[in-house]
Amino acid sequence: MLKQLYDLLKRLLLVAHESQQNKTEIKELRQELKDLTAVVQRLAYEIHRVSENEAHEREKMALRLENELLKFERRLPLAVQTKKDKDK
């Protein structure tokens, strides 16, 4: 009878210890999850910023190209007049 009581008490203490250990691990895992969530949110924000910056860069490049094309067009000589136009 004492042996059974001893075994029961031993198991009870073991379960209490494991329960406390599990609570501690759960607390640590929740903190890790919060940290990872913050990192993911920060990365999402950074990706969004990079995407916006890239869009602005593409827009600037398109405007530069358009500007260069306009400069180039201004440098072209006027169209050669045809014989009909000369006769007028």
C-alpha atoms as a PDB file:
ATOM      1  CA  MET A   1       0.000   0.000   0.000  1.00  0.00           C
ATOM      2  CA  LEU A   2       2.817   2.417   0.853  1.00  0.00           C
ATOM      3  CA  LYS A   3       4.538   1.473  -2.377  1.00  0.00           C
ATOM      4  CA  GLN A   4       1.417   2.328  -4.358  1.00  0.00           C
ATOM      5  CA  LEU A   5       1.022   5.620  -2.519  1.00  0.00           C
ATOM      6  CA  TYR A   6       4.715   6.394  -3.151  1.00  0.00           C
ATOM      7  CA  ASP A   7       4.342   5.581  -6.879  1.00  0.00           C
ATOM      8  CA  LEU A   8       1.208   7.715  -7.110  1.00  0.00           C
ATOM      9  CA  LEU A   9       2.901  10.646  -5.384  1.00  0.00           C
ATOM     10  CA  LYS A  10       5.947  10.209  -7.615  1.00  0.00           C
ATOM     11  CA  ARG A  11       3.763  10.287 -10.739  1.00  0.00           C
ATOM     12  CA  LEU A  12       1.855  13.295  -9.453  1.00  0.00           C
ATOM     13  CA  LEU A  13       5.090  15.210  -8.889  1.00  0.00           C
ATOM     14  CA  LEU A  14       6.351  14.199 -12.317  1.00  0.00           C
ATOM     15  CA  VAL A  15       3.116  15.388 -13.978  1.00  0.00           C
ATOM     16  CA  ALA A  16       3.282  18.675 -12.042  1.00  0.00           C
ATOM     17  CA  HIS A  17       6.900  19.172 -13.135  1.00  0.00           C
ATOM     18  CA  GLU A  18       6.122  18.366 -16.769  1.00  0.00           C
ATOM     19  CA  SER A  19       3.096  20.661 -16.667  1.00  0.00           C
ATOM     20  CA  GLN A  20       5.235  23.536 -15.361  1.00  0.00           C
ATOM     21  CA  GLN A  21       7.879  22.803 -18.006  1.00  0.00           C
ATOM     22  CA  ASN A  22       5.206  22.812 -20.730  1.00  0.00           C
ATOM     23  CA  LYS A  23       3.852  26.147 -19.490  1.00  0.00           C
ATOM     24  CA  THR A  24       7.339  27.626 -19.636  1.00  0.00           C
ATOM     25  CA  GLU A  25       7.909  26.293 -23.149  1.00  0.00           C
ATOM     26  CA  ILE A  26       4.530  27.605 -24.302  1.00  0.00           C
ATOM     27  CA  LYS A  27       5.387  31.039 -22.929  1.00  0.00           C
ATOM     28  CA  GLU A  28       8.720  30.993 -24.767  1.00  0.00           C
ATOM     29  CA  LEU A  29       7.077  29.837 -27.996  1.00  0.00           C
ATOM     30  CA  ARG A  30       4.476  32.599 -27.770  1.00  0.00           C
ATOM     31  CA  GLN A  31       7.241  35.160 -27.390  1.00  0.00           C
ATOM     32  CA  GLU A  32       9.076  33.672 -30.386  1.00  0.00           C
ATOM     33  CA  LEU A  33       5.854  33.855 -32.392  1.00  0.00           C
ATOM     34  CA  LYS A  34       5.424  37.528 -31.475  1.00  0.00           C
ATOM     35  CA  ASP A  35       9.011  38.215 -32.487  1.00  0.00           C
ATOM     36  CA  LEU A  36       8.635  36.369 -35.784  1.00  0.00           C
ATOM     37  CA  THR A  37       5.367  38.158 -36.504  1.00  0.00           C
ATOM     38  CA  ALA A  38       7.103  41.490 -35.971  1.00  0.00           C
ATOM     39  CA  VAL A  39       9.911  40.447 -38.316  1.00  0.00           C
ATOM     40  CA  VAL A  40       7.453  39.305 -40.993  1.00  0.00           C
ATOM     41  CA  GLN A  41       5.554  42.589 -40.746  1.00  0.00           C
ATOM     42  CA  ARG A  42       8.802  44.531 -41.034  1.00  0.00           C
ATOM     43  CA  LEU A  43       9.849  42.485 -44.078  1.00  0.00           C
ATOM     44  CA  ALA A  44       6.451  43.032 -45.703  1.00  0.00           C
ATOM     45  CA  TYR A  45       6.839  46.768 -45.141  1.00  0.00           C
ATOM     46  CA  GLU A  46      10.367  46.726 -46.588  1.00  0.00           C
ATOM     47  CA  ILE A  47       9.219  44.750 -49.631  1.00  0.00           C
ATOM     48  CA  HIS A  48       6.440  47.270 -50.170  1.00  0.00           C
ATOM     49  CA  ARG A  49       8.912  50.160 -49.916  1.00  0.00           C
ATOM     50  CA  VAL A  50      11.333  48.501 -52.349  1.00  0.00           C
ATOM     51  CA  SER A  51       8.475  47.874 -54.767  1.00  0.00           C
ATOM     52  CA  GLU A  52       7.410  51.529 -54.598  1.00  0.00           C
ATOM     53  CA  ASN A  53      11.011  52.686 -55.058  1.00  0.00           C
ATOM     54  CA  GLU A  54      11.437  50.425 -58.077  1.00  0.00           C
ATOM     55  CA  ALA A  55       8.204  51.764 -59.602  1.00  0.00           C
ATOM     56  CA  HIS A  56       9.455  55.319 -59.104  1.00  0.00           C
ATOM     57  CA  GLU A  57      12.797  54.427 -60.665  1.00  0.00           C
ATOM     58  CA  ARG A  58      11.055  52.901 -63.698  1.00  0.00           C
ATOM     59  CA  GLU A  59       8.927  56.026 -64.042  1.00  0.00           C
ATOM     60  CA  LYS A  60      12.019  58.241 -63.859  1.00  0.00           C
ATOM     61  CA  MET A  61      13.777  56.117 -66.478  1.00  0.00           C
ATOM     62  CA  ALA A  62      10.751  56.346 -68.782  1.00  0.00           C
ATOM     63  CA  LEU A  63      10.695  60.132 -68.357  1.00  0.00           C
ATOM     64  CA  ARG A  64      14.433  60.351 -69.041  1.00  0.00           C
ATOM     65  CA  LEU A  65      13.988  58.255 -72.173  1.00  0.00           C
ATOM     66  CA  GLU A  66      11.095  60.413 -73.316  1.00  0.00           C
ATOM     67  CA  ASN A  67      13.172  63.530 -72.634  1.00  0.00           C
ATOM     68  CA  GLU A  68      16.092  62.182 -74.653  1.00  0.00           C
ATOM     69  CA  LEU A  69      13.775  61.245 -77.510  1.00  0.00           C
ATOM     70  CA  LEU A  70      12.320  64.750 -77.547  1.00  0.00           C
ATOM     71  CA  LYS A  71      15.823  66.248 -77.563  1.00  0.00           C
ATOM     72  CA  PHE A  72      16.781  63.935 -80.413  1.00  0.00           C
ATOM     73  CA  GLU A  73      13.692  64.869 -82.423  1.00  0.00           C
ATOM     74  CA  ARG A  74      14.504  68.570 -82.076  1.00  0.00           C
ATOM     75  CA  ARG A  75      17.962  67.933 -83.511  1.00  0.00           C
ATOM     76  CA  LEU A  76      16.603  66.320 -86.669  1.00  0.00           C
ATOM     77  CA  PRO A  77      16.701  68.553 -89.708  1.00  0.00           C
ATOM     78  CA  LEU A  78      13.419  69.778 -91.047  1.00  0.00           C
ATOM     79  CA  ALA A  79      11.884  67.564 -93.685  1.00  0.00           C
ATOM     80  CA  VAL A  80      13.259  68.178 -97.158  1.00  0.00           C
ATOM     81  CA  GLN A  81      10.753  70.069 -99.211  1.00  0.00           C
ATOM     82  CA  THR A  82       9.369  68.237-102.177  1.00  0.00           C
ATOM     83  CA  LYS A  83       9.493  69.703-105.682  1.00  0.00           C
ATOM     84  CA  LYS A  84       5.813  70.618-105.424  1.00  0.00           C
ATOM     85  CA  ASP A  85       6.408  72.588-102.246  1.00  0.00           C
ATOM     86  CA  LYS A  86       9.324  74.435-103.866  1.00  0.00           C
ATOM     87  CA  ASP A  87       7.173  75.508-106.789  1.00  0.00           C
ATOM     88  CA  LYS A  88       4.604  77.204-104.590  1.00  0.00           C
END
